[in-house]
Amino acid sequence: MALTLDYHDAYLAPLITNNEAWETRAIADVAELGEFPAPWPDKLAVLRAYILCCIESLADEQDVFSAKLKHYKSEYAATLQAARLALAAASVTTPGPLTLTIERG
């Protein structure tokens, strides 16, 4: 199965390409959070795949994966919040125009 998401981190992208299980798990993890309007599921899945890659590749607290993990965890949290706000905004319905009947007496 080919990867379906676009990865822009030049350091992590090849690692994820060599381990498609991270993308599969990332997509499943995001799906468990609920339905979000596009493009939020893909954005969240990419960040989640980065996090999974960093967690599983982490050798010590001072390596590059540690720094990337910290960065992508905070970016994931902010993106999840934005996705939830987008979902809330999409579910709000605006009422139609108000019409009044004017009668002459």
PDB file of N, CA and C in Angstrom:
ATOM      1  N   MET A   1       0.844  -1.173   0.000  1.00  0.00           N
ATOM      2  CA  MET A   1       0.000   0.000   0.000  1.00  0.00           C
ATOM      3  C   MET A   1       0.894   1.242   0.000  1.00  0.00           C
ATOM      4  N   ALA A   2       0.595   2.192  -0.850  1.00  0.00           N
ATOM      5  CA  ALA A   2       1.375   3.424  -0.925  1.00  0.00           C
ATOM      6  C   ALA A   2       0.883   4.412   0.130  1.00  0.00           C
ATOM      7  N   LEU A   3       1.790   5.273   0.539  1.00  0.00           N
ATOM      8  CA  LEU A   3       1.416   6.305   1.503  1.00  0.00           C
ATOM      9  C   LEU A   3       0.428   7.273   0.854  1.00  0.00           C
ATOM     10  N   THR A   4      -0.509   7.747   1.646  1.00  0.00           N
ATOM     11  CA  THR A   4      -1.545   8.618   1.105  1.00  0.00           C
ATOM     12  C   THR A   4      -1.395  10.070   1.536  1.00  0.00           C
ATOM     13  N   LEU A   5      -0.559  10.334   2.514  1.00  0.00           N
ATOM     14  CA  LEU A   5      -0.402  11.688   3.034  1.00  0.00           C
ATOM     15  C   LEU A   5       0.890  12.313   2.521  1.00  0.00           C
ATOM     16  N   ASP A   6       0.932  13.639   2.526  1.00  0.00           N
ATOM     17  CA  ASP A   6       2.131  14.363   2.105  1.00  0.00           C
ATOM     18  C   ASP A   6       2.927  14.781   3.336  1.00  0.00           C
ATOM     19  N   TYR A   7       4.185  14.367   3.361  1.00  0.00           N
ATOM     20  CA  TYR A   7       5.067  14.676   4.481  1.00  0.00           C
ATOM     21  C   TYR A   7       6.093  15.703   4.024  1.00  0.00           C
ATOM     22  N   HIS A   8       6.222  16.776   4.789  1.00  0.00           N
ATOM     23  CA  HIS A   8       7.095  17.875   4.398  1.00  0.00           C
ATOM     24  C   HIS A   8       8.352  17.983   5.247  1.00  0.00           C
ATOM     25  N   ASP A   9       8.466  17.197   6.277  1.00  0.00           N
ATOM     26  CA  ASP A   9       9.672  17.188   7.092  1.00  0.00           C
ATOM     27  C   ASP A   9      10.702  16.314   6.373  1.00  0.00           C
ATOM     28  N   ALA A  10      11.722  16.942   5.835  1.00  0.00           N
ATOM     29  CA  ALA A  10      12.709  16.226   5.017  1.00  0.00           C
ATOM     30  C   ALA A  10      13.454  15.152   5.806  1.00  0.00           C
ATOM     31  N   TYR A  11      13.546  15.307   7.096  1.00  0.00           N
ATOM     32  CA  TYR A  11      14.261  14.328   7.917  1.00  0.00           C
ATOM     33  C   TYR A  11      13.375  13.120   8.223  1.00  0.00           C
ATOM     34  N   LEU A  12      12.105  13.367   8.549  1.00  0.00           N
ATOM     35  CA  LEU A  12      11.222  12.281   8.959  1.00  0.00           C
ATOM     36  C   LEU A  12      10.509  11.596   7.799  1.00  0.00           C
ATOM     37  N   ALA A  13      10.271  12.300   6.710  1.00  0.00           N
ATOM     38  CA  ALA A  13       9.512  11.734   5.588  1.00  0.00           C
ATOM     39  C   ALA A  13      10.076  10.408   5.090  1.00  0.00           C
ATOM     40  N   PRO A  14      11.395  10.301   4.858  1.00  0.00           N
ATOM     41  CA  PRO A  14      11.911   9.010   4.388  1.00  0.00           C
ATOM     42  C   PRO A  14      11.733   7.880   5.404  1.00  0.00           C
ATOM     43  N   LEU A  15      11.790   8.217   6.670  1.00  0.00           N
ATOM     44  CA  LEU A  15      11.600   7.200   7.705  1.00  0.00           C
ATOM     45  C   LEU A  15      10.171   6.684   7.699  1.00  0.00           C
ATOM     46  N   ILE A  16       9.230   7.587   7.529  1.00  0.00           N
ATOM     47  CA  ILE A  16       7.816   7.195   7.481  1.00  0.00           C
ATOM     48  C   ILE A  16       7.537   6.400   6.213  1.00  0.00           C
ATOM     49  N   THR A  17       8.174   6.788   5.113  1.00  0.00           N
ATOM     50  CA  THR A  17       8.013   6.056   3.861  1.00  0.00           C
ATOM     51  C   THR A  17       8.456   4.610   4.018  1.00  0.00           C
ATOM     52  N   ASN A  18       9.480   4.380   4.819  1.00  0.00           N
ATOM     53  CA  ASN A  18       9.990   3.028   5.036  1.00  0.00           C
ATOM     54  C   ASN A  18       9.209   2.250   6.087  1.00  0.00           C
ATOM     55  N   ASN A  19       8.271   2.895   6.757  1.00  0.00           N
ATOM     56  CA  ASN A  19       7.468   2.226   7.785  1.00  0.00           C
ATOM     57  C   ASN A  19       6.028   2.717   7.661  1.00  0.00           C
ATOM     58  N   GLU A  20       5.285   2.148   6.737  1.00  0.00           N
ATOM     59  CA  GLU A  20       3.909   2.584   6.473  1.00  0.00           C
ATOM     60  C   GLU A  20       2.978   2.352   7.654  1.00  0.00           C
ATOM     61  N   ALA A  21       3.396   1.534   8.596  1.00  0.00           N
ATOM     62  CA  ALA A  21       2.565   1.271   9.767  1.00  0.00           C
ATOM     63  C   ALA A  21       2.320   2.550  10.564  1.00  0.00           C
ATOM     64  N   TRP A  22       3.289   3.471  10.549  1.00  0.00           N
ATOM     65  CA  TRP A  22       3.093   4.730  11.279  1.00  0.00           C
ATOM     66  C   TRP A  22       1.954   5.527  10.666  1.00  0.00           C
ATOM     67  N   GLU A  23       1.892   5.591   9.343  1.00  0.00           N
ATOM     68  CA  GLU A  23       0.795   6.326   8.706  1.00  0.00           C
ATOM     69  C   GLU A  23      -0.535   5.646   8.971  1.00  0.00           C
ATOM     70  N   THR A  24      -0.568   4.335   8.848  1.00  0.00           N
ATOM     71  CA  THR A  24      -1.807   3.589   9.087  1.00  0.00           C
ATOM     72  C   THR A  24      -2.311   3.841  10.503  1.00  0.00           C
ATOM     73  N   ARG A  25      -1.421   3.765  11.465  1.00  0.00           N
ATOM     74  CA  ARG A  25      -1.811   4.002  12.862  1.00  0.00           C
ATOM     75  C   ARG A  25      -2.211   5.455  13.078  1.00  0.00           C
ATOM     76  N   ALA A  26      -1.494   6.391  12.465  1.00  0.00           N
ATOM     77  CA  ALA A  26      -1.817   7.810  12.622  1.00  0.00           C
ATOM     78  C   ALA A  26      -3.218   8.113  12.101  1.00  0.00           C
ATOM     79  N   ILE A  27      -3.549   7.573  10.951  1.00  0.00           N
ATOM     80  CA  ILE A  27      -4.889   7.788  10.375  1.00  0.00           C
ATOM     81  C   ILE A  27      -5.949   7.196  11.294  1.00  0.00           C
ATOM     82  N   ALA A  28      -5.691   6.026  11.841  1.00  0.00           N
ATOM     83  CA  ALA A  28      -6.641   5.390  12.760  1.00  0.00           C
ATOM     84  C   ALA A  28      -6.781   6.192  14.049  1.00  0.00           C
ATOM     85  N   ASP A  29      -5.664   6.694  14.570  1.00  0.00           N
ATOM     86  CA  ASP A  29      -5.711   7.502  15.799  1.00  0.00           C
ATOM     87  C   ASP A  29      -6.551   8.751  15.604  1.00  0.00           C
ATOM     88  N   VAL A  30      -6.390   9.405  14.469  1.00  0.00           N
ATOM     89  CA  VAL A  30      -7.159  10.623  14.190  1.00  0.00           C
ATOM     90  C   VAL A  30      -8.636  10.280  13.996  1.00  0.00           C
ATOM     91  N   ALA A  31      -8.917   9.179  13.339  1.00  0.00           N
ATOM     92  CA  ALA A  31     -10.311   8.772  13.131  1.00  0.00           C
ATOM     93  C   ALA A  31     -11.023   8.527  14.461  1.00  0.00           C
ATOM     94  N   GLU A  32     -10.289   8.054  15.461  1.00  0.00           N
ATOM     95  CA  GLU A  32     -10.880   7.820  16.780  1.00  0.00           C
ATOM     96  C   GLU A  32     -11.288   9.122  17.472  1.00  0.00           C
ATOM     97  N   LEU A  33     -10.699  10.236  17.048  1.00  0.00           N
ATOM     98  CA  LEU A  33     -11.033  11.529  17.652  1.00  0.00           C
ATOM     99  C   LEU A  33     -12.375  12.057  17.166  1.00  0.00           C
ATOM    100  N   GLY A  34     -12.860  11.543  16.051  1.00  0.00           N
ATOM    101  CA  GLY A  34     -14.133  11.984  15.496  1.00  0.00           C
ATOM    102  C   GLY A  34     -13.972  12.469  14.071  1.00  0.00           C
ATOM    103  N   GLU A  35     -15.065  12.968  13.537  1.00  0.00           N
ATOM    104  CA  GLU A  35     -15.089  13.470  12.163  1.00  0.00           C
ATOM    105  C   GLU A  35     -14.757  14.959  12.156  1.00  0.00           C
ATOM    106  N   PHE A  36     -13.789  15.329  11.341  1.00  0.00           N
ATOM    107  CA  PHE A  36     -13.422  16.730  11.185  1.00  0.00           C
ATOM    108  C   PHE A  36     -13.573  17.104   9.721  1.00  0.00           C
ATOM    109  N   PRO A  37     -13.906  18.367   9.449  1.00  0.00           N
ATOM    110  CA  PRO A  37     -13.982  18.790   8.045  1.00  0.00           C
ATOM    111  C   PRO A  37     -12.576  18.831   7.430  1.00  0.00           C
ATOM    112  N   ALA A  38     -12.531  18.664   6.117  1.00  0.00           N
ATOM    113  CA  ALA A  38     -11.238  18.748   5.400  1.00  0.00           C
ATOM    114  C   ALA A  38     -10.676  20.143   5.565  1.00  0.00           C
ATOM    115  N   PRO A  39      -9.403  20.279   5.630  1.00  0.00           N
ATOM    116  CA  PRO A  39      -8.284  19.352   5.487  1.00  0.00           C
ATOM    117  C   PRO A  39      -7.749  18.837   6.816  1.00  0.00           C
ATOM    118  N   TRP A  40      -8.496  19.020   7.897  1.00  0.00           N
ATOM    119  CA  TRP A  40      -7.998  18.731   9.245  1.00  0.00           C
ATOM    120  C   TRP A  40      -7.602  17.283   9.496  1.00  0.00           C
ATOM    121  N   PRO A  41      -8.349  16.270   9.018  1.00  0.00           N
ATOM    122  CA  PRO A  41      -7.904  14.892   9.286  1.00  0.00           C
ATOM    123  C   PRO A  41      -6.509  14.594   8.726  1.00  0.00           C
ATOM    124  N   ASP A  42      -6.227  15.070   7.514  1.00  0.00           N
ATOM    125  CA  ASP A  42      -4.907  14.827   6.924  1.00  0.00           C
ATOM    126  C   ASP A  42      -3.814  15.565   7.695  1.00  0.00           C
ATOM    127  N   LYS A  43      -4.074  16.813   8.065  1.00  0.00           N
ATOM    128  CA  LYS A  43      -3.077  17.579   8.823  1.00  0.00           C
ATOM    129  C   LYS A  43      -2.763  16.896  10.154  1.00  0.00           C
ATOM    130  N   LEU A  44      -3.808  16.456  10.837  1.00  0.00           N
ATOM    131  CA  LEU A  44      -3.613  15.777  12.115  1.00  0.00           C
ATOM    132  C   LEU A  44      -2.894  14.446  11.944  1.00  0.00           C
ATOM    133  N   ALA A  45      -3.222  13.705  10.899  1.00  0.00           N
ATOM    134  CA  ALA A  45      -2.593  12.407  10.671  1.00  0.00           C
ATOM    135  C   ALA A  45      -1.105  12.559  10.357  1.00  0.00           C
ATOM    136  N   VAL A  46      -0.740  13.575   9.595  1.00  0.00           N
ATOM    137  CA  VAL A  46       0.675  13.811   9.298  1.00  0.00           C
ATOM    138  C   VAL A  46       1.429  14.099  10.595  1.00  0.00           C
ATOM    139  N   LEU A  47       0.887  14.985  11.410  1.00  0.00           N
ATOM    140  CA  LEU A  47       1.545  15.312  12.674  1.00  0.00           C
ATOM    141  C   LEU A  47       1.615  14.100  13.596  1.00  0.00           C
ATOM    142  N   ARG A  48       0.550  13.308  13.613  1.00  0.00           N
ATOM    143  CA  ARG A  48       0.548  12.103  14.449  1.00  0.00           C
ATOM    144  C   ARG A  48       1.593  11.099  13.952  1.00  0.00           C
ATOM    145  N   ALA A  49       1.748  10.970  12.644  1.00  0.00           N
ATOM    146  CA  ALA A  49       2.775  10.075  12.090  1.00  0.00           C
ATOM    147  C   ALA A  49       4.167  10.556  12.481  1.00  0.00           C
ATOM    148  N   TYR A  50       4.383  11.873  12.446  1.00  0.00           N
ATOM    149  CA  TYR A  50       5.672  12.415  12.891  1.00  0.00           C
ATOM    150  C   TYR A  50       5.930  12.054  14.355  1.00  0.00           C
ATOM    151  N   ILE A  51       4.904  12.188  15.185  1.00  0.00           N
ATOM    152  CA  ILE A  51       5.040  11.885  16.611  1.00  0.00           C
ATOM    153  C   ILE A  51       5.369  10.400  16.815  1.00  0.00           C
ATOM    154  N   LEU A  52       4.651   9.541  16.121  1.00  0.00           N
ATOM    155  CA  LEU A  52       4.915   8.097  16.241  1.00  0.00           C
ATOM    156  C   LEU A  52       6.328   7.755  15.803  1.00  0.00           C
ATOM    157  N   CYS A  53       6.761   8.353  14.703  1.00  0.00           N
ATOM    158  CA  CYS A  53       8.115   8.122  14.201  1.00  0.00           C
ATOM    159  C   CYS A  53       9.148   8.559  15.236  1.00  0.00           C
ATOM    160  N   CYS A  54       8.949   9.730  15.820  1.00  0.00           N
ATOM    161  CA  CYS A  54       9.901  10.242  16.809  1.00  0.00           C
ATOM    162  C   CYS A  54       9.928   9.391  18.068  1.00  0.00           C
ATOM    163  N   ILE A  55       8.756   8.988  18.536  1.00  0.00           N
ATOM    164  CA  ILE A  55       8.689   8.173  19.746  1.00  0.00           C
ATOM    165  C   ILE A  55       9.433   6.858  19.546  1.00  0.00           C
ATOM    166  N   GLU A  56       9.194   6.213  18.414  1.00  0.00           N
ATOM    167  CA  GLU A  56       9.799   4.904  18.186  1.00  0.00           C
ATOM    168  C   GLU A  56      11.268   4.992  17.783  1.00  0.00           C
ATOM    169  N   SER A  57      11.720   6.157  17.335  1.00  0.00           N
ATOM    170  CA  SER A  57      13.112   6.316  16.906  1.00  0.00           C
ATOM    171  C   SER A  57      13.983   6.967  17.974  1.00  0.00           C
ATOM    172  N   LEU A  58      13.379   7.420  19.032  1.00  0.00           N
ATOM    173  CA  LEU A  58      14.080   8.136  20.091  1.00  0.00           C
ATOM    174  C   LEU A  58      15.166   7.262  20.722  1.00  0.00           C
ATOM    175  N   ALA A  59      16.390   7.775  20.723  1.00  0.00           N
ATOM    176  CA  ALA A  59      17.500   7.039  21.320  1.00  0.00           C
ATOM    177  C   ALA A  59      17.837   7.599  22.703  1.00  0.00           C
ATOM    178  N   ASP A  60      17.851   8.927  22.828  1.00  0.00           N
ATOM    179  CA  ASP A  60      18.078   9.556  24.126  1.00  0.00           C
ATOM    180  C   ASP A  60      17.398  10.919  24.133  1.00  0.00           C
ATOM    181  N   GLU A  61      17.445  11.579  25.266  1.00  0.00           N
ATOM    182  CA  GLU A  61      16.722  12.839  25.434  1.00  0.00           C
ATOM    183  C   GLU A  61      17.351  14.016  24.702  1.00  0.00           C
ATOM    184  N   GLN A  62      18.523  13.830  24.134  1.00  0.00           N
ATOM    185  CA  GLN A  62      19.214  14.922  23.471  1.00  0.00           C
ATOM    186  C   GLN A  62      19.314  14.753  21.955  1.00  0.00           C
ATOM    187  N   ASP A  63      18.713  13.725  21.397  1.00  0.00           N
ATOM    188  CA  ASP A  63      18.860  13.515  19.956  1.00  0.00           C
ATOM    189  C   ASP A  63      17.843  14.342  19.169  1.00  0.00           C
ATOM    190  N   VAL A  64      17.962  14.287  17.853  1.00  0.00           N
ATOM    191  CA  VAL A  64      17.102  15.082  16.980  1.00  0.00           C
ATOM    192  C   VAL A  64      15.632  14.676  17.122  1.00  0.00           C
ATOM    193  N   PHE A  65      15.375  13.408  17.389  1.00  0.00           N
ATOM    194  CA  PHE A  65      13.994  12.953  17.539  1.00  0.00           C
ATOM    195  C   PHE A  65      13.335  13.562  18.771  1.00  0.00           C
ATOM    196  N   SER A  66      14.107  13.783  19.807  1.00  0.00           N
ATOM    197  CA  SER A  66      13.584  14.417  21.013  1.00  0.00           C
ATOM    198  C   SER A  66      13.121  15.844  20.724  1.00  0.00           C
ATOM    199  N   ALA A  67      13.939  16.594  20.009  1.00  0.00           N
ATOM    200  CA  ALA A  67      13.576  17.977  19.663  1.00  0.00           C
ATOM    201  C   ALA A  67      12.362  18.006  18.743  1.00  0.00           C
ATOM    202  N   LYS A  68      12.352  17.134  17.752  1.00  0.00           N
ATOM    203  CA  LYS A  68      11.225  17.088  16.820  1.00  0.00           C
ATOM    204  C   LYS A  68       9.952  16.629  17.530  1.00  0.00           C
ATOM    205  N   LEU A  69      10.075  15.682  18.443  1.00  0.00           N
ATOM    206  CA  LEU A  69       8.919  15.196  19.188  1.00  0.00           C
ATOM    207  C   LEU A  69       8.274  16.332  19.979  1.00  0.00           C
ATOM    208  N   LYS A  70       9.074  17.102  20.661  1.00  0.00           N
ATOM    209  CA  LYS A  70       8.553  18.230  21.443  1.00  0.00           C
ATOM    210  C   LYS A  70       7.834  19.219  20.531  1.00  0.00           C
ATOM    211  N   HIS A  71       8.449  19.539  19.409  1.00  0.00           N
ATOM    212  CA  HIS A  71       7.851  20.480  18.459  1.00  0.00           C
ATOM    213  C   HIS A  71       6.525  19.948  17.904  1.00  0.00           C
ATOM    214  N   TYR A  72       6.530  18.698  17.437  1.00  0.00           N
ATOM    215  CA  TYR A  72       5.329  18.163  16.798  1.00  0.00           C
ATOM    216  C   TYR A  72       4.206  17.875  17.789  1.00  0.00           C
ATOM    217  N   LYS A  73       4.519  17.598  19.042  1.00  0.00           N
ATOM    218  CA  LYS A  73       3.465  17.430  20.045  1.00  0.00           C
ATOM    219  C   LYS A  73       2.709  18.746  20.259  1.00  0.00           C
ATOM    220  N   SER A  74       3.450  19.845  20.361  1.00  0.00           N
ATOM    221  CA  SER A  74       2.778  21.133  20.556  1.00  0.00           C
ATOM    222  C   SER A  74       2.018  21.546  19.297  1.00  0.00           C
ATOM    223  N   GLU A  75       2.577  21.269  18.119  1.00  0.00           N
ATOM    224  CA  GLU A  75       1.884  21.593  16.877  1.00  0.00           C
ATOM    225  C   GLU A  75       0.621  20.741  16.722  1.00  0.00           C
ATOM    226  N   TYR A  76       0.686  19.477  17.131  1.00  0.00           N
ATOM    227  CA  TYR A  76      -0.472  18.595  17.069  1.00  0.00           C
ATOM    228  C   TYR A  76      -1.585  19.118  17.979  1.00  0.00           C
ATOM    229  N   ALA A  77      -1.236  19.526  19.181  1.00  0.00           N
ATOM    230  CA  ALA A  77      -2.235  20.049  20.118  1.00  0.00           C
ATOM    231  C   ALA A  77      -2.916  21.290  19.556  1.00  0.00           C
ATOM    232  N   ALA A  78      -2.131  22.196  18.973  1.00  0.00           N
ATOM    233  CA  ALA A  78      -2.705  23.411  18.396  1.00  0.00           C
ATOM    234  C   ALA A  78      -3.575  23.088  17.182  1.00  0.00           C
ATOM    235  N   THR A  79      -3.139  22.146  16.375  1.00  0.00           N
ATOM    236  CA  THR A  79      -3.910  21.769  15.184  1.00  0.00           C
ATOM    237  C   THR A  79      -5.194  21.057  15.577  1.00  0.00           C
ATOM    238  N   LEU A  80      -5.141  20.227  16.596  1.00  0.00           N
ATOM    239  CA  LEU A  80      -6.351  19.557  17.083  1.00  0.00           C
ATOM    240  C   LEU A  80      -7.357  20.584  17.589  1.00  0.00           C
ATOM    241  N   GLN A  81      -6.882  21.589  18.298  1.00  0.00           N
ATOM    242  CA  GLN A  81      -7.775  22.646  18.776  1.00  0.00           C
ATOM    243  C   GLN A  81      -8.410  23.383  17.591  1.00  0.00           C
ATOM    244  N   ALA A  82      -7.616  23.693  16.581  1.00  0.00           N
ATOM    245  CA  ALA A  82      -8.142  24.377  15.391  1.00  0.00           C
ATOM    246  C   ALA A  82      -9.157  23.499  14.661  1.00  0.00           C
ATOM    247  N   ALA A  83      -8.894  22.201  14.608  1.00  0.00           N
ATOM    248  CA  ALA A  83      -9.830  21.275  13.951  1.00  0.00           C
ATOM    249  C   ALA A  83     -11.151  21.220  14.710  1.00  0.00           C
ATOM    250  N   ARG A  84     -11.071  21.222  16.020  1.00  0.00           N
ATOM    251  CA  ARG A  84     -12.302  21.206  16.824  1.00  0.00           C
ATOM    252  C   ARG A  84     -13.094  22.504  16.649  1.00  0.00           C
ATOM    253  N   LEU A  85     -12.394  23.621  16.541  1.00  0.00           N
ATOM    254  CA  LEU A  85     -13.077  24.894  16.288  1.00  0.00           C
ATOM    255  C   LEU A  85     -13.719  24.893  14.904  1.00  0.00           C
ATOM    256  N   ALA A  86     -13.033  24.334  13.917  1.00  0.00           N
ATOM    257  CA  ALA A  86     -13.593  24.251  12.562  1.00  0.00           C
ATOM    258  C   ALA A  86     -14.828  23.362  12.551  1.00  0.00           C
ATOM    259  N   LEU A  87     -14.783  22.275  13.305  1.00  0.00           N
ATOM    260  CA  LEU A  87     -15.936  21.389  13.402  1.00  0.00           C
ATOM    261  C   LEU A  87     -17.111  22.108  14.046  1.00  0.00           C
ATOM    262  N   ALA A  88     -16.846  22.844  15.102  1.00  0.00           N
ATOM    263  CA  ALA A  88     -17.913  23.594  15.779  1.00  0.00           C
ATOM    264  C   ALA A  88     -18.493  24.652  14.854  1.00  0.00           C
ATOM    265  N   ALA A  89     -17.647  25.332  14.107  1.00  0.00           N
ATOM    266  CA  ALA A  89     -18.112  26.363  13.176  1.00  0.00           C
ATOM    267  C   ALA A  89     -18.929  25.754  12.049  1.00  0.00           C
ATOM    268  N   ALA A  90     -18.543  24.566  11.602  1.00  0.00           N
ATOM    269  CA  ALA A  90     -19.271  23.909  10.515  1.00  0.00           C
ATOM    270  C   ALA A  90     -20.631  23.408  10.975  1.00  0.00           C
ATOM    271  N   SER A  91     -20.761  23.109  12.260  1.00  0.00           N
ATOM    272  CA  SER A  91     -22.020  22.574  12.764  1.00  0.00           C
ATOM    273  C   SER A  91     -23.009  23.669  13.160  1.00  0.00           C
ATOM    274  N   VAL A  92     -22.547  24.902  13.220  1.00  0.00           N
ATOM    275  CA  VAL A  92     -23.445  26.008  13.548  1.00  0.00           C
ATOM    276  C   VAL A  92     -24.215  26.377  12.294  1.00  0.00           C
ATOM    277  N   THR A  93     -25.518  26.385  12.422  1.00  0.00           N
ATOM    278  CA  THR A  93     -26.340  26.769  11.274  1.00  0.00           C
ATOM    279  C   THR A  93     -26.823  28.190  11.480  1.00  0.00           C
ATOM    280  N   THR A  94     -26.756  28.949  10.441  1.00  0.00           N
ATOM    281  CA  THR A  94     -27.256  30.319  10.516  1.00  0.00           C
ATOM    282  C   THR A  94     -28.724  30.308  10.144  1.00  0.00           C
ATOM    283  N   PRO A  95     -29.517  31.016  10.898  1.00  0.00           N
ATOM    284  CA  PRO A  95     -30.944  31.038  10.593  1.00  0.00           C
ATOM    285  C   PRO A  95     -31.196  31.770   9.276  1.00  0.00           C
ATOM    286  N   GLY A  96     -32.282  31.408   8.658  1.00  0.00           N
ATOM    287  CA  GLY A  96     -32.672  32.072   7.412  1.00  0.00           C
ATOM    288  C   GLY A  96     -33.127  33.495   7.690  1.00  0.00           C
ATOM    289  N   PRO A  97     -33.455  34.203   6.660  1.00  0.00           N
ATOM    290  CA  PRO A  97     -33.895  35.589   6.864  1.00  0.00           C
ATOM    291  C   PRO A  97     -35.201  35.633   7.657  1.00  0.00           C
ATOM    292  N   LEU A  98     -35.299  36.644   8.453  1.00  0.00           N
ATOM    293  CA  LEU A  98     -36.493  36.832   9.268  1.00  0.00           C
ATOM    294  C   LEU A  98     -37.563  37.500   8.411  1.00  0.00           C
ATOM    295  N   THR A  99     -38.733  36.917   8.375  1.00  0.00           N
ATOM    296  CA  THR A  99     -39.820  37.506   7.592  1.00  0.00           C
ATOM    297  C   THR A  99     -40.992  37.839   8.515  1.00  0.00           C
ATOM    298  N   LEU A 100     -41.548  38.960   8.272  1.00  0.00           N
ATOM    299  CA  LEU A 100     -42.719  39.414   9.020  1.00  0.00           C
ATOM    300  C   LEU A 100     -43.825  39.762   8.058  1.00  0.00           C
ATOM    301  N   THR A 101     -45.017  39.430   8.437  1.00  0.00           N
ATOM    302  CA  THR A 101     -46.176  39.785   7.626  1.00  0.00           C
ATOM    303  C   THR A 101     -46.671  41.144   8.109  1.00  0.00           C
ATOM    304  N   ILE A 102     -46.797  42.072   7.189  1.00  0.00           N
ATOM    305  CA  ILE A 102     -47.281  43.395   7.546  1.00  0.00           C
ATOM    306  C   ILE A 102     -48.728  43.492   7.047  1.00  0.00           C
ATOM    307  N   GLU A 103     -49.605  43.795   7.969  1.00  0.00           N
ATOM    308  CA  GLU A 103     -51.018  43.910   7.631  1.00  0.00           C
ATOM    309  C   GLU A 103     -51.473  45.327   7.875  1.00  0.00           C
ATOM    310  N   ARG A 104     -52.256  45.808   6.977  1.00  0.00           N
ATOM    311  CA  ARG A 104     -52.820  47.144   7.142  1.00  0.00           C
ATOM    312  C   ARG A 104     -54.187  47.007   7.807  1.00  0.00           C
ATOM    313  N   GLY A 105     -54.475  47.879   8.675  1.00  0.00           N
ATOM    314  CA  GLY A 105     -55.704  47.749   9.416  1.00  0.00           C
ATOM    315  C   GLY A 105     -56.725  48.785   9.206  1.00  0.00           C
TER     316      GLY A 105
END
